Amino acid sequence: MKVAFSTQDMQRVDAHFGWAKNIAIYEISAEEYHFLEAVQFDGELAEDGNEDKLAPKLEAIKDCAILYVAAIGGSGAARVVAMKIHPIKVNEPEPIHGILDKLQVVLQGTPPPWLRKVMNKGAEKAFNFYDEEELSHA
């Protein structure tokens, strides 16, 4: 599963989603994690009510299951959740690798229901359809 981090320094979750200079994206499983890409943002990122600046960030995280942020505005959070991405706010700057280590431990155990749900993001739903006749002879 892919996890995104709002970051100014590429080391810690230390940025408001709308103001972040970088979004670091990692792939994580119970066995390992690795860095996939950093998406960088330029221009005027300060709080200004301009919702259009969120569009490139939302595009960058569209395949992610979780987004870690230092803060996120209400409309940004609503748009992230609408994309079936689970936003998680950290209370103070936290190292990305520390978060990944903790998340990996959770994945090795029994993840909570919300995490099991987001882990399936992008997975194809498989339905088994049986012919009525096959079922009647079973």
C-alpha atoms as a PDB file:
ATOM      1  CA  MET A   1       0.000   0.000   0.000  1.00  0.00           C
ATOM      2  CA  LYS A   2       1.171   3.540  -0.675  1.00  0.00           C
ATOM      3  CA  VAL A   3       1.494   6.107   2.099  1.00  0.00           C
ATOM      4  CA  ALA A   4       2.019   9.860   1.590  1.00  0.00           C
ATOM      5  CA  PHE A   5       3.714  12.327   3.955  1.00  0.00           C
ATOM      6  CA  SER A   6       3.401  16.140   3.910  1.00  0.00           C
ATOM      7  CA  THR A   7       6.929  17.384   4.511  1.00  0.00           C
ATOM      8  CA  GLN A   8       9.088  20.455   4.168  1.00  0.00           C
ATOM      9  CA  ASP A   9      12.421  18.694   4.822  1.00  0.00           C
ATOM     10  CA  MET A  10      11.786  15.171   3.387  1.00  0.00           C
ATOM     11  CA  GLN A  11      12.694  13.743   6.811  1.00  0.00           C
ATOM     12  CA  ARG A  12       9.685  14.525   8.992  1.00  0.00           C
ATOM     13  CA  VAL A  13       5.954  15.018   8.778  1.00  0.00           C
ATOM     14  CA  ASP A  14       6.180  18.741   9.456  1.00  0.00           C
ATOM     15  CA  ALA A  15       3.886  20.428   6.935  1.00  0.00           C
ATOM     16  CA  HIS A  16       0.298  21.512   6.509  1.00  0.00           C
ATOM     17  CA  PHE A  17      -1.073  19.634   3.485  1.00  0.00           C
ATOM     18  CA  GLY A  18      -1.923  22.807   1.543  1.00  0.00           C
ATOM     19  CA  TRP A  19       1.411  24.482   2.330  1.00  0.00           C
ATOM     20  CA  ALA A  20       3.710  21.463   1.932  1.00  0.00           C
ATOM     21  CA  LYS A  21       6.705  21.921  -0.365  1.00  0.00           C
ATOM     22  CA  ASN A  22       6.961  18.132  -0.755  1.00  0.00           C
ATOM     23  CA  ILE A  23       4.843  15.026  -0.615  1.00  0.00           C
ATOM     24  CA  ALA A  24       6.989  11.950   0.061  1.00  0.00           C
ATOM     25  CA  ILE A  25       5.410   8.692  -1.089  1.00  0.00           C
ATOM     26  CA  TYR A  26       6.416   5.269   0.214  1.00  0.00           C
ATOM     27  CA  GLU A  27       5.264   1.728  -0.503  1.00  0.00           C
ATOM     28  CA  ILE A  28       4.786  -0.305   2.671  1.00  0.00           C
ATOM     29  CA  SER A  29       3.937  -3.905   3.521  1.00  0.00           C
ATOM     30  CA  ALA A  30       4.270  -5.977   6.687  1.00  0.00           C
ATOM     31  CA  GLU A  31       7.733  -7.089   5.500  1.00  0.00           C
ATOM     32  CA  GLU A  32       9.310  -3.887   4.158  1.00  0.00           C
ATOM     33  CA  TYR A  33       8.923  -0.315   3.016  1.00  0.00           C
ATOM     34  CA  HIS A  34      10.710   1.744   0.413  1.00  0.00           C
ATOM     35  CA  PHE A  35      10.686   5.268  -0.932  1.00  0.00           C
ATOM     36  CA  LEU A  36       8.844   5.649  -4.240  1.00  0.00           C
ATOM     37  CA  GLU A  37       8.946   9.333  -5.077  1.00  0.00           C
ATOM     38  CA  ALA A  38       8.951  12.912  -3.870  1.00  0.00           C
ATOM     39  CA  VAL A  39       6.536  15.294  -5.503  1.00  0.00           C
ATOM     40  CA  GLN A  40       7.687  18.903  -5.131  1.00  0.00           C
ATOM     41  CA  PHE A  41       5.487  21.983  -5.192  1.00  0.00           C
ATOM     42  CA  ASP A  42       6.510  25.562  -5.946  1.00  0.00           C
ATOM     43  CA  GLY A  43       4.661  28.842  -6.017  1.00  0.00           C
ATOM     44  CA  GLU A  44       2.479  30.466  -3.410  1.00  0.00           C
ATOM     45  CA  LEU A  45       1.627  27.769  -0.889  1.00  0.00           C
ATOM     46  CA  ALA A  46       0.519  29.948   2.048  1.00  0.00           C
ATOM     47  CA  GLU A  47      -3.013  29.864   3.389  1.00  0.00           C
ATOM     48  CA  ASP A  48      -5.020  32.079   1.114  1.00  0.00           C
ATOM     49  CA  GLY A  49      -8.329  30.322   0.525  1.00  0.00           C
ATOM     50  CA  ASN A  50      -7.184  29.255  -2.936  1.00  0.00           C
ATOM     51  CA  GLU A  51      -8.491  25.704  -3.211  1.00  0.00           C
ATOM     52  CA  ASP A  52      -6.967  25.256  -6.686  1.00  0.00           C
ATOM     53  CA  LYS A  53      -3.513  24.769  -5.168  1.00  0.00           C
ATOM     54  CA  LEU A  54      -4.782  21.494  -3.675  1.00  0.00           C
ATOM     55  CA  ALA A  55      -5.503  19.929  -7.079  1.00  0.00           C
ATOM     56  CA  PRO A  56      -1.865  18.971  -7.887  1.00  0.00           C
ATOM     57  CA  LYS A  57      -1.412  17.578  -4.376  1.00  0.00           C
ATOM     58  CA  LEU A  58      -4.591  15.538  -4.588  1.00  0.00           C
ATOM     59  CA  GLU A  59      -3.422  14.206  -7.952  1.00  0.00           C
ATOM     60  CA  ALA A  60      -0.040  13.259  -6.437  1.00  0.00           C
ATOM     61  CA  ILE A  61      -1.625  11.183  -3.645  1.00  0.00           C
ATOM     62  CA  LYS A  62      -4.497   9.612  -5.602  1.00  0.00           C
ATOM     63  CA  ASP A  63      -3.046   6.068  -5.328  1.00  0.00           C
ATOM     64  CA  CYS A  64      -2.202   6.376  -1.628  1.00  0.00           C
ATOM     65  CA  ALA A  65      -4.181   4.772   1.174  1.00  0.00           C
ATOM     66  CA  ILE A  66      -2.964   7.022   4.010  1.00  0.00           C
ATOM     67  CA  LEU A  67      -1.834  10.659   4.166  1.00  0.00           C
ATOM     68  CA  TYR A  68       0.180  11.882   7.166  1.00  0.00           C
ATOM     69  CA  VAL A  69       0.057  15.655   7.785  1.00  0.00           C
ATOM     70  CA  ALA A  70       0.975  18.191  10.466  1.00  0.00           C
ATOM     71  CA  ALA A  71      -2.349  19.896   9.683  1.00  0.00           C
ATOM     72  CA  ILE A  72      -5.043  19.939   7.025  1.00  0.00           C
ATOM     73  CA  GLY A  73      -7.934  22.287   6.395  1.00  0.00           C
ATOM     74  CA  GLY A  74     -11.535  21.133   6.503  1.00  0.00           C
ATOM     75  CA  SER A  75     -12.154  21.257   2.759  1.00  0.00           C
ATOM     76  CA  GLY A  76      -8.789  19.589   2.053  1.00  0.00           C
ATOM     77  CA  ALA A  77      -9.601  16.823   4.515  1.00  0.00           C
ATOM     78  CA  ALA A  78     -13.019  16.329   2.942  1.00  0.00           C
ATOM     79  CA  ARG A  79     -11.480  16.041  -0.521  1.00  0.00           C
ATOM     80  CA  VAL A  80      -8.841  13.561   0.716  1.00  0.00           C
ATOM     81  CA  VAL A  81     -11.482  11.408   2.433  1.00  0.00           C
ATOM     82  CA  ALA A  82     -13.666  11.537  -0.704  1.00  0.00           C
ATOM     83  CA  MET A  83     -10.725   9.946  -2.556  1.00  0.00           C
ATOM     84  CA  LYS A  84     -10.818   7.093  -0.005  1.00  0.00           C
ATOM     85  CA  ILE A  85      -7.523   8.212   1.540  1.00  0.00           C
ATOM     86  CA  HIS A  86      -7.260   8.182   5.328  1.00  0.00           C
ATOM     87  CA  PRO A  87      -5.694  11.433   6.652  1.00  0.00           C
ATOM     88  CA  ILE A  88      -3.703  11.179   9.890  1.00  0.00           C
ATOM     89  CA  LYS A  89      -2.586  14.303  11.754  1.00  0.00           C
ATOM     90  CA  VAL A  90       0.605  14.213  13.825  1.00  0.00           C
ATOM     91  CA  ASN A  91       0.675  16.546  16.833  1.00  0.00           C
ATOM     92  CA  GLU A  92       4.321  17.542  16.422  1.00  0.00           C
ATOM     93  CA  PRO A  93       6.938  16.979  13.706  1.00  0.00           C
ATOM     94  CA  GLU A  94       7.642  13.264  13.545  1.00  0.00           C
ATOM     95  CA  PRO A  95      10.307  11.379  11.535  1.00  0.00           C
ATOM     96  CA  ILE A  96       8.839   9.648   8.474  1.00  0.00           C
ATOM     97  CA  HIS A  97      10.913   6.505   9.064  1.00  0.00           C
ATOM     98  CA  GLY A  98       9.658   6.309  12.661  1.00  0.00           C
ATOM     99  CA  ILE A  99       6.056   6.423  11.439  1.00  0.00           C
ATOM    100  CA  LEU A 100       6.803   3.766   8.814  1.00  0.00           C
ATOM    101  CA  ASP A 101       8.405   1.516  11.455  1.00  0.00           C
ATOM    102  CA  LYS A 102       5.335   1.818  13.721  1.00  0.00           C
ATOM    103  CA  LEU A 103       2.938   1.260  10.829  1.00  0.00           C
ATOM    104  CA  GLN A 104       4.853  -1.839   9.781  1.00  0.00           C
ATOM    105  CA  VAL A 105       4.497  -3.315  13.294  1.00  0.00           C
ATOM    106  CA  VAL A 106       0.734  -2.726  13.109  1.00  0.00           C
ATOM    107  CA  LEU A 107       0.601  -4.415   9.688  1.00  0.00           C
ATOM    108  CA  GLN A 108       2.419  -7.463  11.112  1.00  0.00           C
ATOM    109  CA  GLY A 109      -0.230  -7.839  13.816  1.00  0.00           C
ATOM    110  CA  THR A 110      -3.963  -7.404  13.493  1.00  0.00           C
ATOM    111  CA  PRO A 111      -4.576  -4.016  11.890  1.00  0.00           C
ATOM    112  CA  PRO A 112      -7.616  -2.065  13.140  1.00  0.00           C
ATOM    113  CA  PRO A 113     -10.717  -2.124  10.898  1.00  0.00           C
ATOM    114  CA  TRP A 114     -10.042   1.317   9.365  1.00  0.00           C
ATOM    115  CA  LEU A 115      -6.550   0.194   8.322  1.00  0.00           C
ATOM    116  CA  ARG A 116      -7.768  -3.098   6.868  1.00  0.00           C
ATOM    117  CA  LYS A 117     -10.251  -1.093   4.805  1.00  0.00           C
ATOM    118  CA  VAL A 118      -7.654   1.329   3.414  1.00  0.00           C
ATOM    119  CA  MET A 119      -5.191  -1.504   2.762  1.00  0.00           C
ATOM    120  CA  ASN A 120      -7.637  -2.774   0.144  1.00  0.00           C
ATOM    121  CA  LYS A 121      -7.667   0.532  -1.742  1.00  0.00           C
ATOM    122  CA  GLY A 122      -7.178  -0.149  -5.421  1.00  0.00           C
ATOM    123  CA  ALA A 123      -7.616  -3.892  -5.032  1.00  0.00           C
ATOM    124  CA  GLU A 124      -9.966  -5.408  -7.526  1.00  0.00           C
ATOM    125  CA  LYS A 125     -13.121  -6.787  -6.037  1.00  0.00           C
ATOM    126  CA  ALA A 126     -13.619 -10.373  -7.075  1.00  0.00           C
ATOM    127  CA  PHE A 127     -17.043 -11.876  -7.201  1.00  0.00           C
ATOM    128  CA  ASN A 128     -17.691 -15.533  -7.802  1.00  0.00           C
ATOM    129  CA  PHE A 129     -20.796 -16.067  -9.830  1.00  0.00           C
ATOM    130  CA  TYR A 130     -22.187 -19.535 -10.063  1.00  0.00           C
ATOM    131  CA  ASP A 131     -24.657 -20.812 -12.540  1.00  0.00           C
ATOM    132  CA  GLU A 132     -27.948 -21.586 -10.764  1.00  0.00           C
ATOM    133  CA  GLU A 133     -27.771 -25.099 -12.133  1.00  0.00           C
ATOM    134  CA  GLU A 134     -24.307 -25.628 -10.623  1.00  0.00           C
ATOM    135  CA  LEU A 135     -25.610 -24.550  -7.239  1.00  0.00           C
ATOM    136  CA  SER A 136     -28.655 -26.815  -7.378  1.00  0.00           C
ATOM    137  CA  HIS A 137     -26.404 -29.848  -7.974  1.00  0.00           C
ATOM    138  CA  ALA A 138     -23.976 -28.988  -5.197  1.00  0.00           C
END
